[in-house]
Amino acid sequence: MQPEQGNEVYHTPIMVDEVKRYLLTNRSGTYIDATVGGGGYAAAILPDLNADARYIGIDRDPDAVQFCTDRFSHTMDRFSVYRGELAKIDEVLAGAGVGAVDGILMDLGVSSYQIDTAGRGFSYLEDGPLDMRMDGGAAVSAADIVNGYSERELADCLYRFGEERKSRRIARRIVEKRHESPITTTAALAAAVKGAVPPAQHIKTFARVWQALRFAVNDELGQLRMGLERSYPLLKPQGRLVVLSYESLMDRLVKRFLRGDEPTFEKEVEPVPGSGWRFTVLTRKVVRPGEEEIRNNPRARSARLRAGIREM
């Protein structure tokens, strides 16, 4: 199911003014939107660029690529979109004949369209297949993990990728329920999780469980790490990197990368100097959306923006 065309239907971009302020330095430059989604940032940024500028969008979700191809068909002289993984950003750009760029934007996580499409399985609020694959061709779905992992593997997944302290109890309950019948829908998984925690904790627990499974299915943290490392050589000296994240694990990884350390997300891992990337950090403190934006778009609440300039 494809979303309808429209300015804000697919996904509402967050902190647009802040993104433009940190990202744009050359109105005739080349900019990469490494997780283009529905093109919300592209629509906001293209009017600020000259006719000789170039804006390239990349996304692993074929729905997003098709949506942007249709939406921006009238601006393909300046905007082009490619299907590809964040971890392979260098390969995608090489195939597009793109060299050094002025700026790279990464808007991480899932789009509103993905969340609101029940058939994708990204939301615990709507019943649908337990899928969660950003790329429909990926081999492993959330249902495969929920029904195939051992109890210990499930608990480790929930703890590592969801920071869920009751991971062992939840994993035990899931295994008990799948012995009765396979857990193949979001409603069935939610019912299993409900049996492991008090009612007052349901919503926050659902969010952590869904995050853990989504990260595991799509290797989102591995994708981010590789994407960051491979983005650095693509930036011109003084080129800008701007990253929006919505989960603490991703934000921690981005923060360490911009500080010149190995991009890891584990709290217990001491920072280790990275392999040659050096940034002037523009966001000494993480940037968050204002109260008015959160009122207008509650999903903006968890957004965090960090930015840096590649040093010479």
C-alpha atoms as a PDB file:
ATOM      1  CA  MET A   1       0.000   0.000   0.000  1.00  0.00           C
ATOM      2  CA  GLN A   2       1.461   3.303  -1.121  1.00  0.00           C
ATOM      3  CA  PRO A   3       0.776   6.522   0.801  1.00  0.00           C
ATOM      4  CA  GLU A   4      -1.082   9.297  -0.936  1.00  0.00           C
ATOM      5  CA  GLN A   5       0.961  12.143  -2.359  1.00  0.00           C
ATOM      6  CA  GLY A   6       0.967  15.234  -0.191  1.00  0.00           C
ATOM      7  CA  ASN A   7       3.265  17.569   1.646  1.00  0.00           C
ATOM      8  CA  GLU A   8       2.982  15.993   5.090  1.00  0.00           C
ATOM      9  CA  VAL A   9       1.295  12.632   4.516  1.00  0.00           C
ATOM     10  CA  TYR A  10       4.288  10.296   4.554  1.00  0.00           C
ATOM     11  CA  HIS A  11       6.196  11.832   7.437  1.00  0.00           C
ATOM     12  CA  THR A  12       6.415  15.246   9.095  1.00  0.00           C
ATOM     13  CA  PRO A  13      10.055  16.398   9.204  1.00  0.00           C
ATOM     14  CA  ILE A  14      11.265  17.544  12.616  1.00  0.00           C
ATOM     15  CA  MET A  15      13.353  20.620  13.498  1.00  0.00           C
ATOM     16  CA  VAL A  16      13.503  21.720   9.867  1.00  0.00           C
ATOM     17  CA  ASP A  17      14.955  25.162  10.630  1.00  0.00           C
ATOM     18  CA  GLU A  18      17.657  23.646  12.821  1.00  0.00           C
ATOM     19  CA  VAL A  19      18.532  21.048  10.180  1.00  0.00           C
ATOM     20  CA  LYS A  20      18.924  23.726   7.518  1.00  0.00           C
ATOM     21  CA  ARG A  21      20.986  25.940   9.804  1.00  0.00           C
ATOM     22  CA  TYR A  22      23.474  23.189  10.601  1.00  0.00           C
ATOM     23  CA  LEU A  23      23.529  21.501   7.185  1.00  0.00           C
ATOM     24  CA  LEU A  24      23.508  24.184   4.487  1.00  0.00           C
ATOM     25  CA  THR A  25      26.675  26.132   3.722  1.00  0.00           C
ATOM     26  CA  ASN A  26      26.733  26.283  -0.083  1.00  0.00           C
ATOM     27  CA  ARG A  27      23.593  27.051  -2.095  1.00  0.00           C
ATOM     28  CA  SER A  28      25.223  25.421  -5.134  1.00  0.00           C
ATOM     29  CA  GLY A  29      26.519  22.426  -3.208  1.00  0.00           C
ATOM     30  CA  THR A  30      25.845  18.703  -3.166  1.00  0.00           C
ATOM     31  CA  TYR A  31      23.857  17.295  -0.260  1.00  0.00           C
ATOM     32  CA  ILE A  32      22.984  13.743   0.701  1.00  0.00           C
ATOM     33  CA  ASP A  33      19.771  12.778   2.456  1.00  0.00           C
ATOM     34  CA  ALA A  34      20.896   9.330   3.553  1.00  0.00           C
ATOM     35  CA  THR A  35      17.500   8.278   4.932  1.00  0.00           C
ATOM     36  CA  VAL A  36      15.169  10.225   2.669  1.00  0.00           C
ATOM     37  CA  GLY A  37      11.826   8.651   3.672  1.00  0.00           C
ATOM     38  CA  GLY A  38       9.008  10.635   2.094  1.00  0.00           C
ATOM     39  CA  GLY A  39      11.260  13.558   1.195  1.00  0.00           C
ATOM     40  CA  GLY A  40      10.097  15.961   3.892  1.00  0.00           C
ATOM     41  CA  TYR A  41      13.521  17.504   4.314  1.00  0.00           C
ATOM     42  CA  ALA A  42      14.092  17.545   0.564  1.00  0.00           C
ATOM     43  CA  ALA A  43      10.929  19.590   0.088  1.00  0.00           C
ATOM     44  CA  ALA A  44      12.114  22.073   2.726  1.00  0.00           C
ATOM     45  CA  ILE A  45      15.730  22.305   1.544  1.00  0.00           C
ATOM     46  CA  LEU A  46      15.418  22.362  -2.259  1.00  0.00           C
ATOM     47  CA  PRO A  47      13.929  25.889  -2.365  1.00  0.00           C
ATOM     48  CA  ASP A  48      17.052  27.137  -0.550  1.00  0.00           C
ATOM     49  CA  LEU A  49      19.405  25.674  -3.173  1.00  0.00           C
ATOM     50  CA  ASN A  50      20.458  27.117  -6.512  1.00  0.00           C
ATOM     51  CA  ALA A  51      19.587  25.504  -9.835  1.00  0.00           C
ATOM     52  CA  ASP A  52      23.081  24.000 -10.111  1.00  0.00           C
ATOM     53  CA  ALA A  53      22.924  22.310  -6.698  1.00  0.00           C
ATOM     54  CA  ARG A  54      22.440  18.580  -6.315  1.00  0.00           C
ATOM     55  CA  TYR A  55      20.357  16.784  -3.676  1.00  0.00           C
ATOM     56  CA  ILE A  56      20.550  12.980  -3.474  1.00  0.00           C
ATOM     57  CA  GLY A  57      18.142  10.857  -1.450  1.00  0.00           C
ATOM     58  CA  ILE A  58      18.847   7.280  -0.336  1.00  0.00           C
ATOM     59  CA  ASP A  59      16.524   4.823   1.401  1.00  0.00           C
ATOM     60  CA  ARG A  60      16.398   1.068   1.880  1.00  0.00           C
ATOM     61  CA  ASP A  61      12.578   1.035   1.867  1.00  0.00           C
ATOM     62  CA  PRO A  62      11.236   0.592  -1.678  1.00  0.00           C
ATOM     63  CA  ASP A  63       7.991   2.372  -0.714  1.00  0.00           C
ATOM     64  CA  ALA A  64       9.979   5.489   0.222  1.00  0.00           C
ATOM     65  CA  VAL A  65      11.996   5.404  -3.004  1.00  0.00           C
ATOM     66  CA  GLN A  66       8.860   5.119  -5.129  1.00  0.00           C
ATOM     67  CA  PHE A  67       7.070   7.814  -3.164  1.00  0.00           C
ATOM     68  CA  CYS A  68       9.948  10.278  -3.615  1.00  0.00           C
ATOM     69  CA  THR A  69      10.367   9.389  -7.273  1.00  0.00           C
ATOM     70  CA  ASP A  70       6.726  10.298  -7.860  1.00  0.00           C
ATOM     71  CA  ARG A  71       6.666  13.303  -5.557  1.00  0.00           C
ATOM     72  CA  PHE A  72       9.759  14.983  -7.001  1.00  0.00           C
ATOM     73  CA  SER A  73       9.365  13.988 -10.643  1.00  0.00           C
ATOM     74  CA  HIS A  74       9.313  17.691 -11.578  1.00  0.00           C
ATOM     75  CA  THR A  75      12.669  18.424  -9.899  1.00  0.00           C
ATOM     76  CA  MET A  76      14.757  15.471 -11.041  1.00  0.00           C
ATOM     77  CA  ASP A  77      17.305  17.864 -12.551  1.00  0.00           C
ATOM     78  CA  ARG A  78      18.419  18.658  -8.982  1.00  0.00           C
ATOM     79  CA  PHE A  79      16.986  15.801  -6.938  1.00  0.00           C
ATOM     80  CA  SER A  80      17.596  12.099  -7.473  1.00  0.00           C
ATOM     81  CA  VAL A  81      16.713   9.152  -5.273  1.00  0.00           C
ATOM     82  CA  TYR A  82      18.314   5.717  -4.964  1.00  0.00           C
ATOM     83  CA  ARG A  83      17.450   2.569  -3.087  1.00  0.00           C
ATOM     84  CA  GLY A  84      20.250   1.487  -0.811  1.00  0.00           C
ATOM     85  CA  GLU A  85      21.355   0.823   2.743  1.00  0.00           C
ATOM     86  CA  LEU A  86      22.888   3.445   4.989  1.00  0.00           C
ATOM     87  CA  ALA A  87      25.814   1.089   5.588  1.00  0.00           C
ATOM     88  CA  LYS A  88      26.559   1.168   1.860  1.00  0.00           C
ATOM     89  CA  ILE A  89      26.238   4.908   1.335  1.00  0.00           C
ATOM     90  CA  ASP A  90      29.648   5.079  -0.342  1.00  0.00           C
ATOM     91  CA  GLU A  91      28.706   2.375  -2.852  1.00  0.00           C
ATOM     92  CA  VAL A  92      25.392   4.063  -3.669  1.00  0.00           C
ATOM     93  CA  LEU A  93      27.070   7.416  -4.287  1.00  0.00           C
ATOM     94  CA  ALA A  94      29.848   5.861  -6.345  1.00  0.00           C
ATOM     95  CA  GLY A  95      27.190   4.268  -8.541  1.00  0.00           C
ATOM     96  CA  ALA A  96      25.527   7.659  -8.902  1.00  0.00           C
ATOM     97  CA  GLY A  97      28.796   9.291  -9.924  1.00  0.00           C
ATOM     98  CA  VAL A  98      28.926  11.484  -6.823  1.00  0.00           C
ATOM     99  CA  GLY A  99      32.252  12.500  -5.300  1.00  0.00           C
ATOM    100  CA  ALA A 100      32.884  14.726  -2.290  1.00  0.00           C
ATOM    101  CA  VAL A 101      29.794  16.411  -0.852  1.00  0.00           C
ATOM    102  CA  ASP A 102      29.021  19.504   1.194  1.00  0.00           C
ATOM    103  CA  GLY A 103      26.702  17.881   3.684  1.00  0.00           C
ATOM    104  CA  ILE A 104      25.057  14.635   4.775  1.00  0.00           C
ATOM    105  CA  LEU A 105      21.758  14.392   6.629  1.00  0.00           C
ATOM    106  CA  MET A 106      20.598  11.264   8.458  1.00  0.00           C
ATOM    107  CA  ASP A 107      17.081  11.112   9.900  1.00  0.00           C
ATOM    108  CA  LEU A 108      17.122   7.777  11.702  1.00  0.00           C
ATOM    109  CA  GLY A 109      14.339   5.483  12.862  1.00  0.00           C
ATOM    110  CA  VAL A 110      10.971   4.765  11.293  1.00  0.00           C
ATOM    111  CA  SER A 111       8.709   7.145   9.406  1.00  0.00           C
ATOM    112  CA  SER A 112       5.119   7.970  10.299  1.00  0.00           C
ATOM    113  CA  TYR A 113       4.019   6.053   7.197  1.00  0.00           C
ATOM    114  CA  GLN A 114       5.835   2.924   8.353  1.00  0.00           C
ATOM    115  CA  ILE A 115       4.381   3.233  11.856  1.00  0.00           C
ATOM    116  CA  ASP A 116       0.852   3.887  10.632  1.00  0.00           C
ATOM    117  CA  THR A 117       0.817   1.052   8.084  1.00  0.00           C
ATOM    118  CA  ALA A 118      -0.413  -1.923  10.122  1.00  0.00           C
ATOM    119  CA  GLY A 119       0.887  -4.418   7.576  1.00  0.00           C
ATOM    120  CA  ARG A 120       4.481  -3.399   8.322  1.00  0.00           C
ATOM    121  CA  GLY A 121       4.258  -4.423  11.990  1.00  0.00           C
ATOM    122  CA  PHE A 122       6.122  -1.383  13.349  1.00  0.00           C
ATOM    123  CA  SER A 123       3.348  -0.346  15.754  1.00  0.00           C
ATOM    124  CA  TYR A 124       1.911  -2.094  18.779  1.00  0.00           C
ATOM    125  CA  LEU A 125      -1.225   0.072  18.489  1.00  0.00           C
ATOM    126  CA  GLU A 126      -2.567  -1.675  15.374  1.00  0.00           C
ATOM    127  CA  ASP A 127      -2.876  -5.390  14.742  1.00  0.00           C
ATOM    128  CA  GLY A 128      -0.923  -6.661  11.765  1.00  0.00           C
ATOM    129  CA  PRO A 129       1.721  -9.171  10.671  1.00  0.00           C
ATOM    130  CA  LEU A 130       4.741  -9.277  12.978  1.00  0.00           C
ATOM    131  CA  ASP A 131       7.169  -8.135  10.287  1.00  0.00           C
ATOM    132  CA  MET A 132       9.163  -4.913  10.981  1.00  0.00           C
ATOM    133  CA  ARG A 133      11.407  -5.257   7.933  1.00  0.00           C
ATOM    134  CA  MET A 134      12.353  -1.918   6.416  1.00  0.00           C
ATOM    135  CA  ASP A 135      13.422  -3.795   3.310  1.00  0.00           C
ATOM    136  CA  GLY A 136      10.725  -6.289   2.359  1.00  0.00           C
ATOM    137  CA  GLY A 137      13.353  -8.555   0.843  1.00  0.00           C
ATOM    138  CA  ALA A 138      15.246  -9.013   4.110  1.00  0.00           C
ATOM    139  CA  ALA A 139      15.530 -12.615   5.217  1.00  0.00           C
ATOM    140  CA  VAL A 140      14.478 -12.344   8.877  1.00  0.00           C
ATOM    141  CA  SER A 141      11.255 -10.833  10.223  1.00  0.00           C
ATOM    142  CA  ALA A 142      10.275 -10.017  13.789  1.00  0.00           C
ATOM    143  CA  ALA A 143       8.099 -13.154  13.802  1.00  0.00           C
ATOM    144  CA  ASP A 144      11.153 -15.253  12.945  1.00  0.00           C
ATOM    145  CA  ILE A 145      12.994 -13.842  15.957  1.00  0.00           C
ATOM    146  CA  VAL A 146      10.068 -14.107  18.369  1.00  0.00           C
ATOM    147  CA  ASN A 147       9.373 -17.725  17.396  1.00  0.00           C
ATOM    148  CA  GLY A 148      12.906 -18.873  16.601  1.00  0.00           C
ATOM    149  CA  TYR A 149      15.213 -17.415  19.239  1.00  0.00           C
ATOM    150  CA  SER A 150      15.862 -19.364  22.403  1.00  0.00           C
ATOM    151  CA  GLU A 151      14.597 -17.844  25.647  1.00  0.00           C
ATOM    152  CA  ARG A 152      18.076 -16.599  26.488  1.00  0.00           C
ATOM    153  CA  GLU A 153      18.613 -15.132  23.022  1.00  0.00           C
ATOM    154  CA  LEU A 154      15.290 -13.319  23.256  1.00  0.00           C
ATOM    155  CA  ALA A 155      16.124 -11.921  26.684  1.00  0.00           C
ATOM    156  CA  ASP A 156      19.539 -10.755  25.484  1.00  0.00           C
ATOM    157  CA  CYS A 157      17.958  -9.080  22.457  1.00  0.00           C
ATOM    158  CA  LEU A 158      15.390  -7.216  24.557  1.00  0.00           C
ATOM    159  CA  TYR A 159      18.000  -6.095  27.062  1.00  0.00           C
ATOM    160  CA  ARG A 160      20.697  -5.097  24.577  1.00  0.00           C
ATOM    161  CA  PHE A 161      18.584  -3.361  21.937  1.00  0.00           C
ATOM    162  CA  GLY A 162      15.623  -2.253  24.064  1.00  0.00           C
ATOM    163  CA  GLU A 163      17.323  -1.635  27.421  1.00  0.00           C
ATOM    164  CA  GLU A 164      14.445  -3.612  28.916  1.00  0.00           C
ATOM    165  CA  ARG A 165      15.204  -4.541  32.543  1.00  0.00           C
ATOM    166  CA  LYS A 166      12.458  -7.165  32.664  1.00  0.00           C
ATOM    167  CA  SER A 167      13.823  -8.871  29.565  1.00  0.00           C
ATOM    168  CA  ARG A 168      14.122 -12.325  31.126  1.00  0.00           C
ATOM    169  CA  ARG A 169      10.571 -12.317  32.450  1.00  0.00           C
ATOM    170  CA  ILE A 170       9.208 -11.104  29.107  1.00  0.00           C
ATOM    171  CA  ALA A 171      11.238 -13.645  27.135  1.00  0.00           C
ATOM    172  CA  ARG A 172       9.984 -16.448  29.380  1.00  0.00           C
ATOM    173  CA  ARG A 173       6.394 -15.364  28.822  1.00  0.00           C
ATOM    174  CA  ILE A 174       6.851 -15.153  25.051  1.00  0.00           C
ATOM    175  CA  VAL A 175       8.287 -18.658  24.943  1.00  0.00           C
ATOM    176  CA  GLU A 176       5.352 -19.968  27.017  1.00  0.00           C
ATOM    177  CA  LYS A 177       2.830 -18.367  24.671  1.00  0.00           C
ATOM    178  CA  ARG A 178       4.519 -19.531  21.464  1.00  0.00           C
ATOM    179  CA  HIS A 179       4.386 -23.113  22.738  1.00  0.00           C
ATOM    180  CA  GLU A 180       0.598 -22.747  22.634  1.00  0.00           C
ATOM    181  CA  SER A 181       0.663 -21.329  19.098  1.00  0.00           C
ATOM    182  CA  PRO A 182       3.168 -19.346  16.981  1.00  0.00           C
ATOM    183  CA  ILE A 183       3.196 -15.593  17.619  1.00  0.00           C
ATOM    184  CA  THR A 184       2.728 -14.098  14.168  1.00  0.00           C
ATOM    185  CA  THR A 185       0.859 -10.827  14.766  1.00  0.00           C
ATOM    186  CA  THR A 186       1.512  -7.639  16.700  1.00  0.00           C
ATOM    187  CA  ALA A 187      -1.607  -8.244  18.785  1.00  0.00           C
ATOM    188  CA  ALA A 188      -0.406 -11.708  19.785  1.00  0.00           C
ATOM    189  CA  LEU A 189       2.982 -10.344  20.822  1.00  0.00           C
ATOM    190  CA  ALA A 190       1.365  -7.518  22.794  1.00  0.00           C
ATOM    191  CA  ALA A 191      -0.829 -10.053  24.595  1.00  0.00           C
ATOM    192  CA  ALA A 192       2.223 -12.091  25.548  1.00  0.00           C
ATOM    193  CA  VAL A 193       4.104  -9.041  26.831  1.00  0.00           C
ATOM    194  CA  LYS A 194       1.058  -7.900  28.850  1.00  0.00           C
ATOM    195  CA  GLY A 195       1.258 -11.092  30.852  1.00  0.00           C
ATOM    196  CA  ALA A 196       4.796 -10.281  31.995  1.00  0.00           C
ATOM    197  CA  VAL A 197       4.464  -6.730  33.366  1.00  0.00           C
ATOM    198  CA  PRO A 198       1.894  -4.723  35.370  1.00  0.00           C
ATOM    199  CA  PRO A 199      -0.731  -2.778  33.375  1.00  0.00           C
ATOM    200  CA  ALA A 200       0.811   0.583  34.277  1.00  0.00           C
ATOM    201  CA  GLN A 201       4.019  -0.480  32.497  1.00  0.00           C
ATOM    202  CA  HIS A 202       2.442  -1.854  29.310  1.00  0.00           C
ATOM    203  CA  ILE A 203       2.981   1.096  26.962  1.00  0.00           C
ATOM    204  CA  LYS A 204       6.612   1.791  27.866  1.00  0.00           C
ATOM    205  CA  THR A 205       7.389  -1.922  27.793  1.00  0.00           C
ATOM    206  CA  PHE A 206       5.764  -2.300  24.371  1.00  0.00           C
ATOM    207  CA  ALA A 207       7.927   0.563  23.085  1.00  0.00           C
ATOM    208  CA  ARG A 208      11.124  -1.069  24.334  1.00  0.00           C
ATOM    209  CA  VAL A 209      10.194  -4.529  23.023  1.00  0.00           C
ATOM    210  CA  TRP A 210       9.252  -3.176  19.586  1.00  0.00           C
ATOM    211  CA  GLN A 211      12.444  -1.116  19.456  1.00  0.00           C
ATOM    212  CA  ALA A 212      14.582  -4.144  20.309  1.00  0.00           C
ATOM    213  CA  LEU A 213      12.967  -6.315  17.659  1.00  0.00           C
ATOM    214  CA  ARG A 214      13.129  -3.553  15.031  1.00  0.00           C
ATOM    215  CA  PHE A 215      16.822  -3.003  15.718  1.00  0.00           C
ATOM    216  CA  ALA A 216      17.515  -6.730  15.522  1.00  0.00           C
ATOM    217  CA  VAL A 217      15.518  -7.281  12.321  1.00  0.00           C
ATOM    218  CA  ASN A 218      17.078  -4.356  10.457  1.00  0.00           C
ATOM    219  CA  ASP A 219      20.517  -4.278  12.114  1.00  0.00           C
ATOM    220  CA  GLU A 220      19.888  -0.562  12.633  1.00  0.00           C
ATOM    221  CA  LEU A 221      22.805   0.033  14.979  1.00  0.00           C
ATOM    222  CA  GLY A 222      25.199  -1.808  12.687  1.00  0.00           C
ATOM    223  CA  GLN A 223      23.806   0.125   9.731  1.00  0.00           C
ATOM    224  CA  LEU A 224      24.313   3.402  11.582  1.00  0.00           C
ATOM    225  CA  ARG A 225      27.856   2.602  12.623  1.00  0.00           C
ATOM    226  CA  MET A 226      28.890   1.664   9.097  1.00  0.00           C
ATOM    227  CA  GLY A 227      26.977   4.576   7.611  1.00  0.00           C
ATOM    228  CA  LEU A 228      28.762   7.069   9.847  1.00  0.00           C
ATOM    229  CA  GLU A 229      32.200   5.621   9.210  1.00  0.00           C
ATOM    230  CA  ARG A 230      31.678   5.486   5.441  1.00  0.00           C
ATOM    231  CA  SER A 231      30.187   8.982   5.354  1.00  0.00           C
ATOM    232  CA  TYR A 232      33.269  10.688   6.731  1.00  0.00           C
ATOM    233  CA  PRO A 233      35.486  10.259   3.622  1.00  0.00           C
ATOM    234  CA  LEU A 234      32.595  11.453   1.445  1.00  0.00           C
ATOM    235  CA  LEU A 235      32.499  14.851   3.134  1.00  0.00           C
ATOM    236  CA  LYS A 236      34.600  17.688   1.798  1.00  0.00           C
ATOM    237  CA  PRO A 237      36.850  19.380   4.360  1.00  0.00           C
ATOM    238  CA  GLN A 238      34.452  21.613   6.331  1.00  0.00           C
ATOM    239  CA  GLY A 239      31.536  19.471   5.139  1.00  0.00           C
ATOM    240  CA  ARG A 240      28.639  19.060   7.552  1.00  0.00           C
ATOM    241  CA  LEU A 241      27.129  15.932   9.102  1.00  0.00           C
ATOM    242  CA  VAL A 242      23.683  16.304  10.703  1.00  0.00           C
ATOM    243  CA  VAL A 243      21.986  13.369  12.450  1.00  0.00           C
ATOM    244  CA  LEU A 244      18.536  13.110  14.010  1.00  0.00           C
ATOM    245  CA  SER A 245      17.917  10.129  16.260  1.00  0.00           C
ATOM    246  CA  TYR A 246      14.997   9.071  18.400  1.00  0.00           C
ATOM    247  CA  GLU A 247      16.412   6.409  20.710  1.00  0.00           C
ATOM    248  CA  SER A 248      19.118   6.771  23.353  1.00  0.00           C
ATOM    249  CA  LEU A 249      21.219   3.941  21.888  1.00  0.00           C
ATOM    250  CA  MET A 250      21.482   5.657  18.509  1.00  0.00           C
ATOM    251  CA  ASP A 251      22.087   9.060  20.064  1.00  0.00           C
ATOM    252  CA  ARG A 252      24.907   7.672  22.197  1.00  0.00           C
ATOM    253  CA  LEU A 253      26.531   6.114  19.139  1.00  0.00           C
ATOM    254  CA  VAL A 254      26.313   9.370  17.144  1.00  0.00           C
ATOM    255  CA  LYS A 255      27.632  11.419  20.063  1.00  0.00           C
ATOM    256  CA  ARG A 256      30.708   9.217  20.395  1.00  0.00           C
ATOM    257  CA  PHE A 257      31.373   9.280  16.661  1.00  0.00           C
ATOM    258  CA  LEU A 258      31.276  13.070  16.472  1.00  0.00           C
ATOM    259  CA  ARG A 259      33.695  13.247  19.386  1.00  0.00           C
ATOM    260  CA  GLY A 260      36.181  11.116  17.460  1.00  0.00           C
ATOM    261  CA  ASP A 261      35.588   7.855  19.339  1.00  0.00           C
ATOM    262  CA  GLU A 262      34.549   4.455  18.088  1.00  0.00           C
ATOM    263  CA  PRO A 263      30.771   4.620  17.501  1.00  0.00           C
ATOM    264  CA  THR A 264      29.440   2.233  20.145  1.00  0.00           C
ATOM    265  CA  PHE A 265      26.114   2.311  21.964  1.00  0.00           C
ATOM    266  CA  GLU A 266      26.832   0.271  25.100  1.00  0.00           C
ATOM    267  CA  LYS A 267      26.929   2.375  28.277  1.00  0.00           C
ATOM    268  CA  GLU A 268      29.461   0.098  29.917  1.00  0.00           C
ATOM    269  CA  VAL A 269      32.001   0.424  27.081  1.00  0.00           C
ATOM    270  CA  GLU A 270      34.613   3.097  27.707  1.00  0.00           C
ATOM    271  CA  PRO A 271      35.175   5.474  24.742  1.00  0.00           C
ATOM    272  CA  VAL A 272      38.014   4.395  22.450  1.00  0.00           C
ATOM    273  CA  PRO A 273      39.601   6.758  19.877  1.00  0.00           C
ATOM    274  CA  GLY A 274      38.327   6.127  16.372  1.00  0.00           C
ATOM    275  CA  SER A 275      40.182   5.492  13.134  1.00  0.00           C
ATOM    276  CA  GLY A 276      40.886   8.964  11.839  1.00  0.00           C
ATOM    277  CA  TRP A 277      37.591  10.844  11.794  1.00  0.00           C
ATOM    278  CA  ARG A 278      37.748  14.303  13.312  1.00  0.00           C
ATOM    279  CA  PHE A 279      34.869  16.740  13.690  1.00  0.00           C
ATOM    280  CA  THR A 280      34.345  20.163  15.128  1.00  0.00           C
ATOM    281  CA  VAL A 281      31.184  19.499  17.095  1.00  0.00           C
ATOM    282  CA  LEU A 282      28.501  22.123  16.469  1.00  0.00           C
ATOM    283  CA  THR A 283      26.092  20.782  19.084  1.00  0.00           C
ATOM    284  CA  ARG A 284      27.905  20.694  22.409  1.00  0.00           C
ATOM    285  CA  LYS A 285      24.518  19.938  23.905  1.00  0.00           C
ATOM    286  CA  VAL A 286      22.012  17.833  22.037  1.00  0.00           C
ATOM    287  CA  VAL A 287      19.360  19.900  20.223  1.00  0.00           C
ATOM    288  CA  ARG A 288      15.724  19.058  20.897  1.00  0.00           C
ATOM    289  CA  PRO A 289      12.459  20.341  19.385  1.00  0.00           C
ATOM    290  CA  GLY A 290      10.657  23.209  21.067  1.00  0.00           C
ATOM    291  CA  GLU A 291       7.414  22.951  22.992  1.00  0.00           C
ATOM    292  CA  GLU A 292       5.310  24.309  20.130  1.00  0.00           C
ATOM    293  CA  GLU A 293       6.652  21.744  17.661  1.00  0.00           C
ATOM    294  CA  ILE A 294       5.980  18.941  20.136  1.00  0.00           C
ATOM    295  CA  ARG A 295       2.415  20.191  20.606  1.00  0.00           C
ATOM    296  CA  ASN A 296       1.878  20.189  16.849  1.00  0.00           C
ATOM    297  CA  ASN A 297       3.669  16.876  16.311  1.00  0.00           C
ATOM    298  CA  PRO A 298       3.849  14.692  19.459  1.00  0.00           C
ATOM    299  CA  ARG A 299       6.125  12.216  17.684  1.00  0.00           C
ATOM    300  CA  ALA A 300       8.821  14.898  17.716  1.00  0.00           C
ATOM    301  CA  ARG A 301       9.144  14.550  21.482  1.00  0.00           C
ATOM    302  CA  SER A 302      11.980  12.026  21.426  1.00  0.00           C
ATOM    303  CA  ALA A 303      13.995  13.662  18.611  1.00  0.00           C
ATOM    304  CA  ARG A 304      17.634  14.549  19.210  1.00  0.00           C
ATOM    305  CA  LEU A 305      19.833  16.438  16.742  1.00  0.00           C
ATOM    306  CA  ARG A 306      23.631  16.416  16.653  1.00  0.00           C
ATOM    307  CA  ALA A 307      25.894  18.001  14.057  1.00  0.00           C
ATOM    308  CA  GLY A 308      29.571  18.387  13.241  1.00  0.00           C
ATOM    309  CA  ILE A 309      32.009  19.814  10.688  1.00  0.00           C
ATOM    310  CA  ARG A 310      34.631  17.573   9.150  1.00  0.00           C
ATOM    311  CA  GLU A 311      38.053  18.957  10.028  1.00  0.00           C
ATOM    312  CA  MET A 312      40.788  19.355   7.418  1.00  0.00           C
END
